Amino acid sequence: MARSDVLKAIASTAAICGRAFASSDPVELMADDLAVFDDNAVVLAIARCRKELRTFPTVADIISRIDDGRPGSEEAWAMVPKDESSSIVWTQEMRGAFGVARPLIGQDDVAARMAFLETYRKLCAEARSAGSPARWETSLGHDPAGRVHALTVAVEKGRITQEHAASLLPDASVAPAGPLLTGPEITPSVDGLARLAEIRARLTQPMPDGDV
């Protein structure tokens, strides 16, 4: 898909919304503002605007609907750790929003959720406007099985590499390294360590062609 498709999508949407332009300049200008994003993603976002909005979309409306790999706000909230034992592979925007909501978790969960959603949407909008891609980071909690699950899911979704995930899993003969989230250490059981070793070995094996 090329820039011409973006121009056509903007112009067609303007016509559908009854928005008449005296020249092609506004359409060209909008396309320029969206040029940092993948053309196909922009066209799909414009299509979402036509379905979800009653008026001609602004550039901000389009940007907010571009699928750039960042989870939606509700999905992001469901992913964030609610205790010290949980592990997560998250984006910088999720981490930033969690920092705002964290003092409220356990005290006022409704306020915590609202604070997270508002901050996360703001941070995502800023990152998208700047053309910054999603960057995934790991935060390891105390639960060994939880670490394995979080890292495995992240590898399956293509958010981190197998090599990086394997480097974060402890050797079966030693206790896990200190977690990034603070709190008391929990020593894993023998069964837990064996499970870690098994999945660590699986993660380090080359993936078949066509897998993520």
Protein backbone atom coordinates (compact mmCIF):
# COMPACT_ATOMS: atom_id res chain seq x y z
CA MET A 1 0.00 0.00 0.00
CA ALA A 2 1.31 3.46 -0.91
CA ARG A 3 0.79 7.11 -0.04
CA SER A 4 -1.77 7.35 -2.82
CA ASP A 5 -3.97 4.93 -0.87
CA VAL A 6 -3.75 7.15 2.21
CA LEU A 7 -4.69 10.21 0.14
CA LYS A 8 -7.62 8.35 -1.36
CA ALA A 9 -8.81 7.15 2.07
CA ILE A 10 -8.70 10.68 3.49
CA ALA A 11 -10.47 12.21 0.49
CA SER A 12 -13.14 9.49 0.40
CA THR A 13 -13.79 9.85 4.11
CA ALA A 14 -14.14 13.63 3.69
CA ALA A 15 -16.72 13.08 0.96
CA ILE A 16 -18.66 10.58 3.09
CA CYS A 17 -18.65 13.03 6.01
CA GLY A 18 -19.78 15.90 3.81
CA ARG A 19 -16.51 17.74 4.24
CA ALA A 20 -15.64 19.73 1.09
CA PHE A 21 -12.11 21.05 0.53
CA ALA A 22 -11.40 23.91 -1.86
CA SER A 23 -8.14 22.23 -2.85
CA SER A 24 -6.15 19.08 -2.23
CA ASP A 25 -3.88 20.87 0.24
CA PRO A 26 -5.70 19.77 3.44
CA VAL A 27 -5.65 16.14 2.30
CA GLU A 28 -1.95 16.39 1.45
CA LEU A 29 -1.24 18.02 4.82
CA MET A 30 -3.04 15.27 6.75
CA ALA A 31 -1.15 12.64 4.80
CA ASP A 32 2.13 14.40 5.63
CA ASP A 33 1.24 14.36 9.35
CA LEU A 34 0.60 10.62 9.12
CA ALA A 35 3.64 9.82 7.00
CA VAL A 36 5.66 8.45 9.96
CA PHE A 37 3.23 5.52 10.22
CA ASP A 38 2.82 2.47 8.04
CA ASP A 39 0.47 3.34 5.14
CA ASN A 40 -1.62 0.21 5.58
CA ALA A 41 -2.04 0.89 9.31
CA VAL A 42 -3.14 4.46 8.53
CA VAL A 43 -5.75 3.32 5.99
CA LEU A 44 -7.13 0.80 8.49
CA ALA A 45 -7.25 3.50 11.18
CA ILE A 46 -9.16 5.83 8.85
CA ALA A 47 -11.63 3.00 8.20
CA ARG A 48 -12.14 2.67 11.94
CA CYS A 49 -12.81 6.40 12.17
CA ARG A 50 -15.55 6.10 9.55
CA LYS A 51 -17.21 3.39 11.61
CA GLU A 52 -16.76 4.95 15.03
CA LEU A 53 -17.08 8.71 14.48
CA ARG A 54 -19.94 10.85 13.24
CA THR A 55 -17.72 13.63 11.93
CA PHE A 56 -14.63 13.89 9.75
CA PRO A 57 -11.67 12.63 11.82
CA THR A 58 -8.82 14.77 12.99
CA VAL A 59 -5.23 13.62 12.69
CA ALA A 60 -5.36 12.81 16.42
CA ASP A 61 -8.46 10.66 15.87
CA ILE A 62 -6.64 8.67 13.21
CA ILE A 63 -3.41 8.32 15.19
CA SER A 64 -5.27 7.05 18.25
CA ARG A 65 -6.66 4.20 16.15
CA ILE A 66 -3.42 3.10 14.50
CA ASP A 67 -2.47 -0.43 15.47
CA ASP A 68 1.23 -0.15 16.33
CA GLY A 69 1.49 -3.18 18.59
CA ARG A 70 0.59 -1.35 21.79
CA PRO A 71 -2.25 -3.00 23.72
CA GLY A 72 -5.54 -1.15 24.06
CA SER A 73 -6.02 0.68 27.35
CA GLU A 74 -8.31 -1.92 28.95
CA GLU A 75 -6.08 -4.78 27.79
CA ALA A 76 -3.05 -2.97 29.17
CA TRP A 77 -4.73 -2.52 32.56
CA ALA A 78 -5.63 -6.21 32.67
CA MET A 79 -1.99 -7.08 31.98
CA VAL A 80 -0.26 -4.97 34.63
CA PRO A 81 0.84 -6.71 37.84
CA LYS A 82 -1.36 -6.18 40.87
CA ASP A 83 1.10 -7.68 43.37
CA GLU A 84 4.83 -8.22 43.85
CA SER A 85 4.81 -11.87 42.71
CA SER A 86 3.60 -11.19 39.17
CA SER A 87 5.85 -10.82 36.14
CA ILE A 88 5.10 -8.83 33.02
CA VAL A 89 6.50 -7.90 29.65
CA TRP A 90 5.12 -4.42 29.01
CA THR A 91 5.59 -1.24 27.04
CA GLN A 92 7.17 1.94 28.33
CA GLU A 93 3.72 3.56 28.31
CA MET A 94 2.28 0.76 30.46
CA ARG A 95 5.15 1.12 32.90
CA GLY A 96 4.66 4.88 33.11
CA ALA A 97 0.92 4.61 33.67
CA PHE A 98 1.41 1.90 36.27
CA GLY A 99 3.73 4.19 38.20
CA VAL A 100 0.86 6.67 38.52
CA ALA A 101 -1.73 4.05 39.48
CA ARG A 102 0.40 1.89 41.76
CA PRO A 103 -0.06 3.91 45.00
CA LEU A 104 -3.83 3.50 44.62
CA ILE A 105 -3.87 -0.26 44.00
CA GLY A 106 -5.33 -1.99 47.03
CA GLN A 107 -6.50 1.33 48.43
CA ASP A 108 -8.98 2.42 45.75
CA ASP A 109 -8.91 0.06 42.77
CA VAL A 110 -11.49 2.06 40.82
CA ALA A 111 -9.38 5.21 41.11
CA ALA A 112 -6.26 3.17 40.28
CA ARG A 113 -7.84 1.90 37.07
CA MET A 114 -9.02 5.34 36.02
CA ALA A 115 -5.62 6.88 36.73
CA PHE A 116 -3.92 4.15 34.71
CA LEU A 117 -6.27 4.43 31.73
CA GLU A 118 -6.03 8.22 31.55
CA THR A 119 -2.25 8.24 31.82
CA TYR A 120 -1.77 5.33 29.45
CA ARG A 121 -3.92 6.89 26.73
CA LYS A 122 -2.04 10.16 27.07
CA LEU A 123 1.38 8.49 26.88
CA CYS A 124 0.35 6.36 23.89
CA ALA A 125 -0.99 9.41 22.06
CA GLU A 126 2.27 11.27 22.67
CA ALA A 127 4.39 8.31 21.52
CA ARG A 128 2.30 7.78 18.40
CA SER A 129 2.38 11.47 17.53
CA ALA A 130 6.16 11.33 17.77
CA GLY A 131 6.24 8.20 15.62
CA SER A 132 7.85 6.15 18.40
CA PRO A 133 7.41 2.38 18.02
CA ALA A 134 6.29 0.18 20.88
CA ARG A 135 9.24 -0.88 23.05
CA TRP A 136 8.77 -3.94 25.24
CA GLU A 137 10.48 -4.32 28.62
CA THR A 138 10.48 -7.07 31.25
CA SER A 139 9.68 -6.75 34.93
CA LEU A 140 10.12 -9.99 36.85
CA GLY A 141 8.17 -10.77 40.00
CA HIS A 142 8.89 -13.37 42.66
CA ASP A 143 6.82 -16.29 41.34
CA PRO A 144 9.05 -18.54 39.14
CA ALA A 145 6.13 -20.08 37.25
CA GLY A 146 4.74 -16.61 36.63
CA ARG A 147 8.04 -15.55 35.13
CA VAL A 148 8.00 -18.50 32.75
CA HIS A 149 4.42 -17.81 31.70
CA ALA A 150 4.97 -14.08 31.09
CA LEU A 151 8.13 -14.66 29.07
CA THR A 152 6.62 -17.52 27.06
CA VAL A 153 3.58 -15.45 26.10
CA ALA A 154 5.81 -12.52 25.14
CA VAL A 155 7.89 -14.76 22.87
CA GLU A 156 4.78 -16.25 21.28
CA LYS A 157 3.45 -12.75 20.53
CA GLY A 158 6.78 -11.63 19.10
CA ARG A 159 7.34 -9.00 21.78
CA ILE A 160 10.75 -10.32 22.84
CA THR A 161 13.13 -12.83 21.32
CA GLN A 162 13.62 -16.40 22.45
CA GLU A 163 17.23 -15.59 23.29
CA HIS A 164 16.27 -12.69 25.54
CA ALA A 165 13.61 -14.76 27.30
CA ALA A 166 16.06 -17.62 27.88
CA SER A 167 18.62 -15.22 29.34
CA LEU A 168 16.08 -14.15 31.96
CA LEU A 169 15.22 -17.67 33.10
CA PRO A 170 17.44 -19.00 35.88
CA ASP A 171 19.45 -22.18 35.62
CA ALA A 172 17.69 -25.12 37.29
CA SER A 173 20.50 -25.46 39.82
CA VAL A 174 20.24 -21.96 41.26
CA ALA A 175 17.55 -19.71 42.70
CA PRO A 176 16.13 -16.96 40.47
CA ALA A 177 17.93 -13.64 40.29
CA GLY A 178 16.48 -10.78 42.30
CA PRO A 179 13.17 -9.50 40.87
CA LEU A 180 12.78 -6.04 39.45
CA LEU A 181 9.74 -5.50 41.66
CA THR A 182 10.69 -5.07 45.30
CA GLY A 183 9.51 -7.38 48.07
CA PRO A 184 10.44 -10.57 49.96
CA GLU A 185 12.13 -13.33 47.99
CA ILE A 186 10.35 -16.64 47.52
CA THR A 187 12.50 -19.74 47.01
CA PRO A 188 11.09 -21.90 44.21
CA SER A 189 10.39 -25.58 44.79
CA VAL A 190 12.36 -28.38 43.15
CA ASP A 191 9.42 -29.03 40.79
CA GLY A 192 9.30 -25.34 39.92
CA LEU A 193 13.00 -25.26 39.09
CA ALA A 194 12.68 -28.37 36.93
CA ARG A 195 9.81 -26.73 35.05
CA LEU A 196 11.91 -23.61 34.53
CA ALA A 197 14.78 -25.67 33.14
CA GLU A 198 12.46 -27.50 30.77
CA ILE A 199 10.91 -24.35 29.33
CA ARG A 200 14.25 -22.54 29.27
CA ALA A 201 15.57 -25.33 27.04
CA ARG A 202 12.50 -25.10 24.82
CA LEU A 203 12.84 -21.34 24.42
CA THR A 204 16.44 -21.65 23.33
CA GLN A 205 15.62 -24.12 20.55
CA PRO A 206 15.30 -22.63 17.02
CA MET A 207 11.68 -22.01 16.05
CA PRO A 208 10.31 -23.73 12.90
CA ASP A 209 10.00 -21.59 9.80
CA GLY A 210 6.81 -19.51 9.82
CA ASP A 211 6.52 -19.32 13.62
CA VAL A 212 6.69 -16.03 15.50
